[in-house]
Amino acid sequence: MTARKSLAALAAALGLSFTLAGGVFADPLPETQAAFDRGVAAYRSGNAEGAVDEWKEAAEGGHTGAAWLLANLYDKGAGGVAQSDAKAYEYYLLAVRGGQPEAAVRLGVIYLSGNEAIGLKRNYEQALRSFEAASLAPRADAQYYLGIMHRRGWGTPVDRTESLRWLLLSAKKRYGPALTELGRVYMEGEGVERDRVEGWSYLLLGKRFGTPEQGAEADALMEKYDGWMKRGEKDSARDMADTWVSAHGGA
């Protein structure tokens, strides 16, 4: 089993759900890998506290996988540790320094809102940099957030052309929120020529490929725009959505 698959299996055992795809991990130093392995052995023997101590040593020595694991544990309050936004943030930072793109997305989301509990103010510039780093992986969620930030002028001047570029890149990966946002953009004619059929087709795709929560956002927009649609346009939109699916991998 590769180190990456081993880490994913360990995360599943700890009740975590995250991916390691797209990560750029430097080979850890022998001593930090040894600390990480001791942590795995301690966890498997039932010593969760000892495991966390070993993983902390590994993370502080530059072991990206350990930092990423600890960030998730503290974020969710899993694996025998108390939930801590401050600790999660600390280890997300270490994971990002090691090249973990999903950690960069998590940091970007934190910077978008700030966190008063840990004294972190909203910082759009930092959020933008985090999403830009993760977009190189390339991660669809990071590309979506870049589309939103350029559209709303968060940390960067409003640029609807650049926004559309990022949203389309994200949508091509079937990322539900990007598809839904494109639906809104085309329904509203926001920086593009208004097109109800294309807009409705994107909303259908956003609902199809999004999580249940994301699908509910598409549903809400479809309810808002339902009265805008003329006879036959919904059927045309369904056909357009089916064509889009066929052109982007099928099923």
C-alpha atoms as a PDB file:
ATOM      1  CA  MET A   1       0.000   0.000   0.000  1.00  0.00           C
ATOM      2  CA  THR A   2       1.373   3.433  -0.935  1.00  0.00           C
ATOM      3  CA  ALA A   3       1.884   6.101   1.731  1.00  0.00           C
ATOM      4  CA  ARG A   4      -0.994   8.099   0.276  1.00  0.00           C
ATOM      5  CA  LYS A   5      -3.405   5.150   0.318  1.00  0.00           C
ATOM      6  CA  SER A   6      -2.237   4.271   3.829  1.00  0.00           C
ATOM      7  CA  LEU A   7      -3.016   7.791   5.005  1.00  0.00           C
ATOM      8  CA  ALA A   8      -6.449   7.686   3.350  1.00  0.00           C
ATOM      9  CA  ALA A   9      -7.199   4.358   5.052  1.00  0.00           C
ATOM     10  CA  LEU A  10      -6.115   5.795   8.400  1.00  0.00           C
ATOM     11  CA  ALA A  11      -8.344   8.831   7.879  1.00  0.00           C
ATOM     12  CA  ALA A  12     -11.306   6.552   7.174  1.00  0.00           C
ATOM     13  CA  ALA A  13     -10.586   4.612  10.371  1.00  0.00           C
ATOM     14  CA  LEU A  14     -10.607   7.904  12.289  1.00  0.00           C
ATOM     15  CA  GLY A  15     -14.033   8.786  10.897  1.00  0.00           C
ATOM     16  CA  LEU A  16     -12.736  11.474   8.545  1.00  0.00           C
ATOM     17  CA  SER A  17     -13.778  12.023   4.959  1.00  0.00           C
ATOM     18  CA  PHE A  18     -11.323  13.827   2.755  1.00  0.00           C
ATOM     19  CA  THR A  19      -9.346  13.257  -0.398  1.00  0.00           C
ATOM     20  CA  LEU A  20      -5.634  13.350  -1.026  1.00  0.00           C
ATOM     21  CA  ALA A  21      -5.887  13.749  -4.797  1.00  0.00           C
ATOM     22  CA  GLY A  22      -3.756  16.472  -6.295  1.00  0.00           C
ATOM     23  CA  GLY A  23      -1.459  16.825  -3.320  1.00  0.00           C
ATOM     24  CA  VAL A  24       2.177  17.603  -3.949  1.00  0.00           C
ATOM     25  CA  PHE A  25       4.008  15.921  -1.107  1.00  0.00           C
ATOM     26  CA  ALA A  26       7.737  16.193  -0.618  1.00  0.00           C
ATOM     27  CA  ASP A  27       9.320  13.012   0.723  1.00  0.00           C
ATOM     28  CA  PRO A  28       9.388  13.364   4.531  1.00  0.00           C
ATOM     29  CA  LEU A  29      12.617  13.161   6.467  1.00  0.00           C
ATOM     30  CA  PRO A  30      13.249   9.692   7.924  1.00  0.00           C
ATOM     31  CA  GLU A  31      12.778  10.930  11.484  1.00  0.00           C
ATOM     32  CA  THR A  32       9.434  12.593  10.708  1.00  0.00           C
ATOM     33  CA  GLN A  33       8.212   9.494   8.876  1.00  0.00           C
ATOM     34  CA  ALA A  34       9.268   7.423  11.875  1.00  0.00           C
ATOM     35  CA  ALA A  35       7.248   9.689  14.179  1.00  0.00           C
ATOM     36  CA  PHE A  36       4.233   9.388  11.900  1.00  0.00           C
ATOM     37  CA  ASP A  37       4.550   5.588  11.829  1.00  0.00           C
ATOM     38  CA  ARG A  38       4.819   5.481  15.623  1.00  0.00           C
ATOM     39  CA  GLY A  39       1.591   7.452  15.728  1.00  0.00           C
ATOM     40  CA  VAL A  40      -0.120   4.933  13.482  1.00  0.00           C
ATOM     41  CA  ALA A  41       1.080   2.081  15.703  1.00  0.00           C
ATOM     42  CA  ALA A  42      -0.090   3.907  18.834  1.00  0.00           C
ATOM     43  CA  TYR A  43      -3.515   4.547  17.344  1.00  0.00           C
ATOM     44  CA  ARG A  44      -3.906   0.920  16.305  1.00  0.00           C
ATOM     45  CA  SER A  45      -2.999  -0.193  19.826  1.00  0.00           C
ATOM     46  CA  GLY A  46      -5.736   2.036  21.263  1.00  0.00           C
ATOM     47  CA  ASN A  47      -3.502   4.899  22.415  1.00  0.00           C
ATOM     48  CA  ALA A  48      -5.145   7.849  20.613  1.00  0.00           C
ATOM     49  CA  GLU A  49      -3.436  10.464  22.798  1.00  0.00           C
ATOM     50  CA  GLY A  50      -0.006   8.994  22.099  1.00  0.00           C
ATOM     51  CA  ALA A  51      -0.822   8.843  18.391  1.00  0.00           C
ATOM     52  CA  VAL A  52      -1.683  12.530  18.267  1.00  0.00           C
ATOM     53  CA  ASP A  53       1.534  13.429  20.099  1.00  0.00           C
ATOM     54  CA  GLU A  54       3.579  11.510  17.541  1.00  0.00           C
ATOM     55  CA  TRP A  55       1.712  13.064  14.623  1.00  0.00           C
ATOM     56  CA  LYS A  56       2.307  16.507  16.084  1.00  0.00           C
ATOM     57  CA  GLU A  57       6.040  15.810  16.152  1.00  0.00           C
ATOM     58  CA  ALA A  58       5.894  14.597  12.572  1.00  0.00           C
ATOM     59  CA  ALA A  59       3.868  17.600  11.381  1.00  0.00           C
ATOM     60  CA  GLU A  60       6.140  20.116  13.052  1.00  0.00           C
ATOM     61  CA  GLY A  61       9.078  18.362  11.378  1.00  0.00           C
ATOM     62  CA  GLY A  62       7.542  18.902   7.949  1.00  0.00           C
ATOM     63  CA  HIS A  63       5.451  15.757   7.409  1.00  0.00           C
ATOM     64  CA  THR A  64       2.629  17.066   5.203  1.00  0.00           C
ATOM     65  CA  GLY A  65       0.400  14.024   5.669  1.00  0.00           C
ATOM     66  CA  ALA A  66       0.576  14.335   9.444  1.00  0.00           C
ATOM     67  CA  ALA A  67      -0.278  18.041   9.306  1.00  0.00           C
ATOM     68  CA  TRP A  68      -3.229  17.362   6.998  1.00  0.00           C
ATOM     69  CA  LEU A  69      -4.479  14.566   9.242  1.00  0.00           C
ATOM     70  CA  LEU A  70      -4.242  16.688  12.395  1.00  0.00           C
ATOM     71  CA  ALA A  71      -5.958  19.651  10.727  1.00  0.00           C
ATOM     72  CA  ASN A  72      -8.933  17.441   9.926  1.00  0.00           C
ATOM     73  CA  LEU A  73      -8.996  15.879  13.386  1.00  0.00           C
ATOM     74  CA  TYR A  74      -9.076  19.258  15.095  1.00  0.00           C
ATOM     75  CA  ASP A  75     -11.513  20.685  12.558  1.00  0.00           C
ATOM     76  CA  LYS A  76     -14.013  17.905  13.238  1.00  0.00           C
ATOM     77  CA  GLY A  77     -13.140  17.057  16.840  1.00  0.00           C
ATOM     78  CA  ALA A  78     -12.415  13.442  15.851  1.00  0.00           C
ATOM     79  CA  GLY A  79      -9.879  10.779  16.755  1.00  0.00           C
ATOM     80  CA  GLY A  80      -9.879  11.583  20.450  1.00  0.00           C
ATOM     81  CA  VAL A  81      -9.066  15.308  20.166  1.00  0.00           C
ATOM     82  CA  ALA A  82     -11.319  18.176  21.174  1.00  0.00           C
ATOM     83  CA  GLN A  83     -12.553  20.375  18.339  1.00  0.00           C
ATOM     84  CA  SER A  84     -10.340  23.428  17.976  1.00  0.00           C
ATOM     85  CA  ASP A  85     -10.542  26.016  15.210  1.00  0.00           C
ATOM     86  CA  ALA A  86      -7.188  27.416  16.303  1.00  0.00           C
ATOM     87  CA  LYS A  87      -5.403  24.071  16.072  1.00  0.00           C
ATOM     88  CA  ALA A  88      -7.112  23.208  12.792  1.00  0.00           C
ATOM     89  CA  TYR A  89      -5.952  26.518  11.338  1.00  0.00           C
ATOM     90  CA  GLU A  90      -2.405  25.928  12.601  1.00  0.00           C
ATOM     91  CA  TYR A  91      -2.162  22.534  10.949  1.00  0.00           C
ATOM     92  CA  TYR A  92      -3.888  23.616   7.754  1.00  0.00           C
ATOM     93  CA  LEU A  93      -1.122  26.202   7.417  1.00  0.00           C
ATOM     94  CA  LEU A  94       1.533  23.504   7.796  1.00  0.00           C
ATOM     95  CA  ALA A  95      -0.242  21.282   5.277  1.00  0.00           C
ATOM     96  CA  VAL A  96      -0.423  24.126   2.749  1.00  0.00           C
ATOM     97  CA  ARG A  97       3.300  24.769   3.137  1.00  0.00           C
ATOM     98  CA  GLY A  98       3.808  21.125   2.249  1.00  0.00           C
ATOM     99  CA  GLY A  99       1.765  21.441  -0.935  1.00  0.00           C
ATOM    100  CA  GLN A 100      -1.655  20.104   0.093  1.00  0.00           C
ATOM    101  CA  PRO A 101      -4.186  21.835  -2.217  1.00  0.00           C
ATOM    102  CA  GLU A 102      -7.340  20.846  -0.346  1.00  0.00           C
ATOM    103  CA  ALA A 103      -5.859  22.441   2.763  1.00  0.00           C
ATOM    104  CA  ALA A 104      -5.388  25.620   0.709  1.00  0.00           C
ATOM    105  CA  VAL A 105      -9.083  25.550  -0.165  1.00  0.00           C
ATOM    106  CA  ARG A 106     -10.002  25.095   3.499  1.00  0.00           C
ATOM    107  CA  LEU A 107      -7.790  28.047   4.420  1.00  0.00           C
ATOM    108  CA  GLY A 108      -9.324  30.137   1.661  1.00  0.00           C
ATOM    109  CA  VAL A 109     -12.806  29.475   3.017  1.00  0.00           C
ATOM    110  CA  ILE A 110     -11.648  30.439   6.516  1.00  0.00           C
ATOM    111  CA  TYR A 111     -10.157  33.695   5.200  1.00  0.00           C
ATOM    112  CA  LEU A 112     -13.382  34.505   3.333  1.00  0.00           C
ATOM    113  CA  SER A 113     -15.318  34.752   6.592  1.00  0.00           C
ATOM    114  CA  GLY A 114     -12.662  35.222   9.211  1.00  0.00           C
ATOM    115  CA  ASN A 115     -12.936  33.578  12.619  1.00  0.00           C
ATOM    116  CA  GLU A 116     -13.503  35.829  15.598  1.00  0.00           C
ATOM    117  CA  ALA A 117     -12.991  32.937  18.025  1.00  0.00           C
ATOM    118  CA  ILE A 118      -9.322  32.696  17.043  1.00  0.00           C
ATOM    119  CA  GLY A 119      -8.816  36.399  16.320  1.00  0.00           C
ATOM    120  CA  LEU A 120      -8.663  35.959  12.567  1.00  0.00           C
ATOM    121  CA  LYS A 121     -10.163  38.795  10.532  1.00  0.00           C
ATOM    122  CA  ARG A 122     -11.706  38.363   7.093  1.00  0.00           C
ATOM    123  CA  ASN A 123      -8.952  38.648   4.524  1.00  0.00           C
ATOM    124  CA  TYR A 124      -9.979  38.498   0.889  1.00  0.00           C
ATOM    125  CA  GLU A 125      -6.403  38.912  -0.357  1.00  0.00           C
ATOM    126  CA  GLN A 126      -5.238  35.862   1.587  1.00  0.00           C
ATOM    127  CA  ALA A 127      -8.301  33.924   0.451  1.00  0.00           C
ATOM    128  CA  LEU A 128      -7.539  34.765  -3.172  1.00  0.00           C
ATOM    129  CA  ARG A 129      -3.931  33.589  -2.811  1.00  0.00           C
ATOM    130  CA  SER A 130      -5.046  30.345  -1.183  1.00  0.00           C
ATOM    131  CA  PHE A 131      -7.558  29.575  -3.924  1.00  0.00           C
ATOM    132  CA  GLU A 132      -5.021  30.466  -6.617  1.00  0.00           C
ATOM    133  CA  ALA A 133      -2.548  27.994  -5.109  1.00  0.00           C
ATOM    134  CA  ALA A 134      -5.162  25.228  -4.950  1.00  0.00           C
ATOM    135  CA  SER A 135      -6.420  25.949  -8.469  1.00  0.00           C
ATOM    136  CA  LEU A 136      -3.071  24.786  -9.840  1.00  0.00           C
ATOM    137  CA  ALA A 137      -3.791  21.234  -8.600  1.00  0.00           C
ATOM    138  CA  PRO A 138      -6.287  21.823 -10.327  1.00  0.00           C
ATOM    139  CA  ARG A 139      -9.196  21.721  -7.870  1.00  0.00           C
ATOM    140  CA  ALA A 140     -12.705  22.484  -9.080  1.00  0.00           C
ATOM    141  CA  ASP A 141     -13.756  24.032  -5.764  1.00  0.00           C
ATOM    142  CA  ALA A 142     -10.798  26.444  -5.813  1.00  0.00           C
ATOM    143  CA  GLN A 143     -11.615  27.436  -9.392  1.00  0.00           C
ATOM    144  CA  TYR A 144     -15.234  28.052  -8.382  1.00  0.00           C
ATOM    145  CA  TYR A 145     -14.216  30.325  -5.520  1.00  0.00           C
ATOM    146  CA  LEU A 146     -11.899  32.271  -7.835  1.00  0.00           C
ATOM    147  CA  GLY A 147     -14.847  32.741 -10.186  1.00  0.00           C
ATOM    148  CA  ILE A 148     -16.955  34.106  -7.333  1.00  0.00           C
ATOM    149  CA  MET A 149     -14.208  36.417  -6.073  1.00  0.00           C
ATOM    150  CA  HIS A 150     -13.530  37.939  -9.486  1.00  0.00           C
ATOM    151  CA  ARG A 151     -17.274  38.361 -10.045  1.00  0.00           C
ATOM    152  CA  ARG A 152     -17.858  40.117  -6.727  1.00  0.00           C
ATOM    153  CA  GLY A 153     -14.605  42.044  -6.514  1.00  0.00           C
ATOM    154  CA  TRP A 154     -13.367  40.315  -3.370  1.00  0.00           C
ATOM    155  CA  GLY A 155      -9.648  40.922  -3.024  1.00  0.00           C
ATOM    156  CA  THR A 156      -9.413  41.811  -6.700  1.00  0.00           C
ATOM    157  CA  PRO A 157     -11.138  44.219  -9.100  1.00  0.00           C
ATOM    158  CA  VAL A 158     -14.434  43.018 -10.558  1.00  0.00           C
ATOM    159  CA  ASP A 159     -13.660  41.100 -13.745  1.00  0.00           C
ATOM    160  CA  ARG A 160     -16.619  39.157 -15.123  1.00  0.00           C
ATOM    161  CA  THR A 161     -14.602  37.766 -18.031  1.00  0.00           C
ATOM    162  CA  GLU A 162     -12.032  36.273 -15.665  1.00  0.00           C
ATOM    163  CA  SER A 163     -14.842  35.093 -13.412  1.00  0.00           C
ATOM    164  CA  LEU A 164     -16.532  33.297 -16.301  1.00  0.00           C
ATOM    165  CA  ARG A 165     -13.253  31.619 -17.248  1.00  0.00           C
ATOM    166  CA  TRP A 166     -12.805  30.168 -13.766  1.00  0.00           C
ATOM    167  CA  LEU A 167     -16.442  29.108 -13.472  1.00  0.00           C
ATOM    168  CA  LEU A 168     -16.274  27.279 -16.797  1.00  0.00           C
ATOM    169  CA  LEU A 169     -13.071  25.492 -15.772  1.00  0.00           C
ATOM    170  CA  SER A 170     -14.738  24.381 -12.561  1.00  0.00           C
ATOM    171  CA  ALA A 171     -17.965  23.405 -14.307  1.00  0.00           C
ATOM    172  CA  LYS A 172     -16.084  21.170 -16.744  1.00  0.00           C
ATOM    173  CA  LYS A 173     -15.158  19.075 -13.701  1.00  0.00           C
ATOM    174  CA  ARG A 174     -18.888  18.768 -12.894  1.00  0.00           C
ATOM    175  CA  TYR A 175     -18.650  20.906  -9.778  1.00  0.00           C
ATOM    176  CA  GLY A 176     -22.250  21.590  -8.788  1.00  0.00           C
ATOM    177  CA  PRO A 177     -21.890  25.112  -7.343  1.00  0.00           C
ATOM    178  CA  ALA A 178     -20.063  26.320 -10.473  1.00  0.00           C
ATOM    179  CA  LEU A 179     -22.775  24.912 -12.733  1.00  0.00           C
ATOM    180  CA  THR A 180     -25.470  26.555 -10.603  1.00  0.00           C
ATOM    181  CA  GLU A 181     -23.658  29.895 -10.622  1.00  0.00           C
ATOM    182  CA  LEU A 182     -23.358  29.723 -14.405  1.00  0.00           C
ATOM    183  CA  GLY A 183     -27.100  29.132 -14.505  1.00  0.00           C
ATOM    184  CA  ARG A 184     -27.681  32.286 -12.488  1.00  0.00           C
ATOM    185  CA  VAL A 185     -25.233  34.257 -14.638  1.00  0.00           C
ATOM    186  CA  TYR A 186     -26.966  33.307 -17.892  1.00  0.00           C
ATOM    187  CA  MET A 187     -30.462  33.760 -16.497  1.00  0.00           C
ATOM    188  CA  GLU A 188     -29.566  37.245 -15.274  1.00  0.00           C
ATOM    189  CA  GLY A 189     -27.397  38.169 -18.247  1.00  0.00           C
ATOM    190  CA  GLU A 190     -24.661  39.162 -15.830  1.00  0.00           C
ATOM    191  CA  GLY A 191     -21.713  39.968 -18.072  1.00  0.00           C
ATOM    192  CA  VAL A 192     -23.001  37.634 -20.788  1.00  0.00           C
ATOM    193  CA  GLU A 193     -25.894  37.780 -23.207  1.00  0.00           C
ATOM    194  CA  ARG A 194     -28.995  36.640 -21.349  1.00  0.00           C
ATOM    195  CA  ASP A 195     -29.956  33.128 -22.407  1.00  0.00           C
ATOM    196  CA  ARG A 196     -32.803  31.463 -20.532  1.00  0.00           C
ATOM    197  CA  VAL A 197     -32.317  28.067 -22.180  1.00  0.00           C
ATOM    198  CA  GLU A 198     -28.604  27.918 -21.427  1.00  0.00           C
ATOM    199  CA  GLY A 199     -29.161  29.282 -17.945  1.00  0.00           C
ATOM    200  CA  TRP A 200     -31.841  26.693 -17.151  1.00  0.00           C
ATOM    201  CA  SER A 201     -29.646  23.913 -18.552  1.00  0.00           C
ATOM    202  CA  TYR A 202     -26.839  24.891 -16.172  1.00  0.00           C
ATOM    203  CA  LEU A 203     -29.264  24.914 -13.257  1.00  0.00           C
ATOM    204  CA  LEU A 204     -30.364  21.399 -14.197  1.00  0.00           C
ATOM    205  CA  LEU A 205     -26.714  20.339 -14.270  1.00  0.00           C
ATOM    206  CA  GLY A 206     -26.015  22.032 -10.932  1.00  0.00           C
ATOM    207  CA  LYS A 207     -28.830  20.042  -9.373  1.00  0.00           C
ATOM    208  CA  ARG A 208     -27.689  16.843 -11.061  1.00  0.00           C
ATOM    209  CA  PHE A 209     -24.047  16.984 -10.040  1.00  0.00           C
ATOM    210  CA  GLY A 210     -24.267  18.864  -6.745  1.00  0.00           C
ATOM    211  CA  THR A 211     -24.654  17.429  -3.270  1.00  0.00           C
ATOM    212  CA  PRO A 212     -28.200  17.467  -1.851  1.00  0.00           C
ATOM    213  CA  GLU A 213     -27.424  20.799  -0.175  1.00  0.00           C
ATOM    214  CA  GLN A 214     -25.978  22.235  -3.381  1.00  0.00           C
ATOM    215  CA  GLY A 215     -28.914  20.859  -5.347  1.00  0.00           C
ATOM    216  CA  ALA A 216     -31.260  22.750  -3.053  1.00  0.00           C
ATOM    217  CA  GLU A 217     -29.559  25.987  -4.107  1.00  0.00           C
ATOM    218  CA  ALA A 218     -30.195  25.117  -7.747  1.00  0.00           C
ATOM    219  CA  ASP A 219     -33.815  24.318  -6.870  1.00  0.00           C
ATOM    220  CA  ALA A 220     -34.241  27.706  -5.213  1.00  0.00           C
ATOM    221  CA  LEU A 221     -32.998  29.499  -8.321  1.00  0.00           C
ATOM    222  CA  MET A 222     -35.199  27.387 -10.583  1.00  0.00           C
ATOM    223  CA  GLU A 223     -38.198  28.367  -8.464  1.00  0.00           C
ATOM    224  CA  LYS A 224     -37.160  32.021  -8.754  1.00  0.00           C
ATOM    225  CA  TYR A 225     -36.772  31.875 -12.544  1.00  0.00           C
ATOM    226  CA  ASP A 226     -39.611  29.476 -13.332  1.00  0.00           C
ATOM    227  CA  GLY A 227     -41.945  32.270 -14.435  1.00  0.00           C
ATOM    228  CA  TRP A 228     -39.321  33.585 -16.847  1.00  0.00           C
ATOM    229  CA  MET A 229     -39.367  30.462 -19.009  1.00  0.00           C
ATOM    230  CA  LYS A 230     -41.442  30.396 -22.181  1.00  0.00           C
ATOM    231  CA  ARG A 231     -43.199  27.430 -23.743  1.00  0.00           C
ATOM    232  CA  GLY A 232     -40.748  24.778 -24.912  1.00  0.00           C
ATOM    233  CA  GLU A 233     -37.676  26.406 -23.347  1.00  0.00           C
ATOM    234  CA  LYS A 234     -37.428  23.926 -20.482  1.00  0.00           C
ATOM    235  CA  ASP A 235     -37.467  21.024 -22.932  1.00  0.00           C
ATOM    236  CA  SER A 236     -34.745  22.718 -24.954  1.00  0.00           C
ATOM    237  CA  ALA A 237     -32.750  23.244 -21.766  1.00  0.00           C
ATOM    238  CA  ARG A 238     -33.024  19.563 -20.860  1.00  0.00           C
ATOM    239  CA  ASP A 239     -31.754  18.636 -24.305  1.00  0.00           C
ATOM    240  CA  MET A 240     -28.892  21.104 -23.929  1.00  0.00           C
ATOM    241  CA  ALA A 241     -28.013  19.661 -20.507  1.00  0.00           C
ATOM    242  CA  ASP A 242     -27.990  16.111 -21.916  1.00  0.00           C
ATOM    243  CA  THR A 243     -25.725  17.244 -24.748  1.00  0.00           C
ATOM    244  CA  TRP A 244     -23.395  18.883 -22.215  1.00  0.00           C
ATOM    245  CA  VAL A 245     -23.184  15.651 -20.213  1.00  0.00           C
ATOM    246  CA  SER A 246     -22.378  13.636 -23.345  1.00  0.00           C
ATOM    247  CA  ALA A 247     -19.637  16.107 -24.228  1.00  0.00           C
ATOM    248  CA  HIS A 248     -18.148  15.966 -20.714  1.00  0.00           C
ATOM    249  CA  GLY A 249     -17.762  12.295 -20.026  1.00  0.00           C
ATOM    250  CA  GLY A 250     -21.317  10.990 -20.287  1.00  0.00           C
ATOM    251  CA  ALA A 251     -23.615   9.531 -17.625  1.00  0.00           C
END
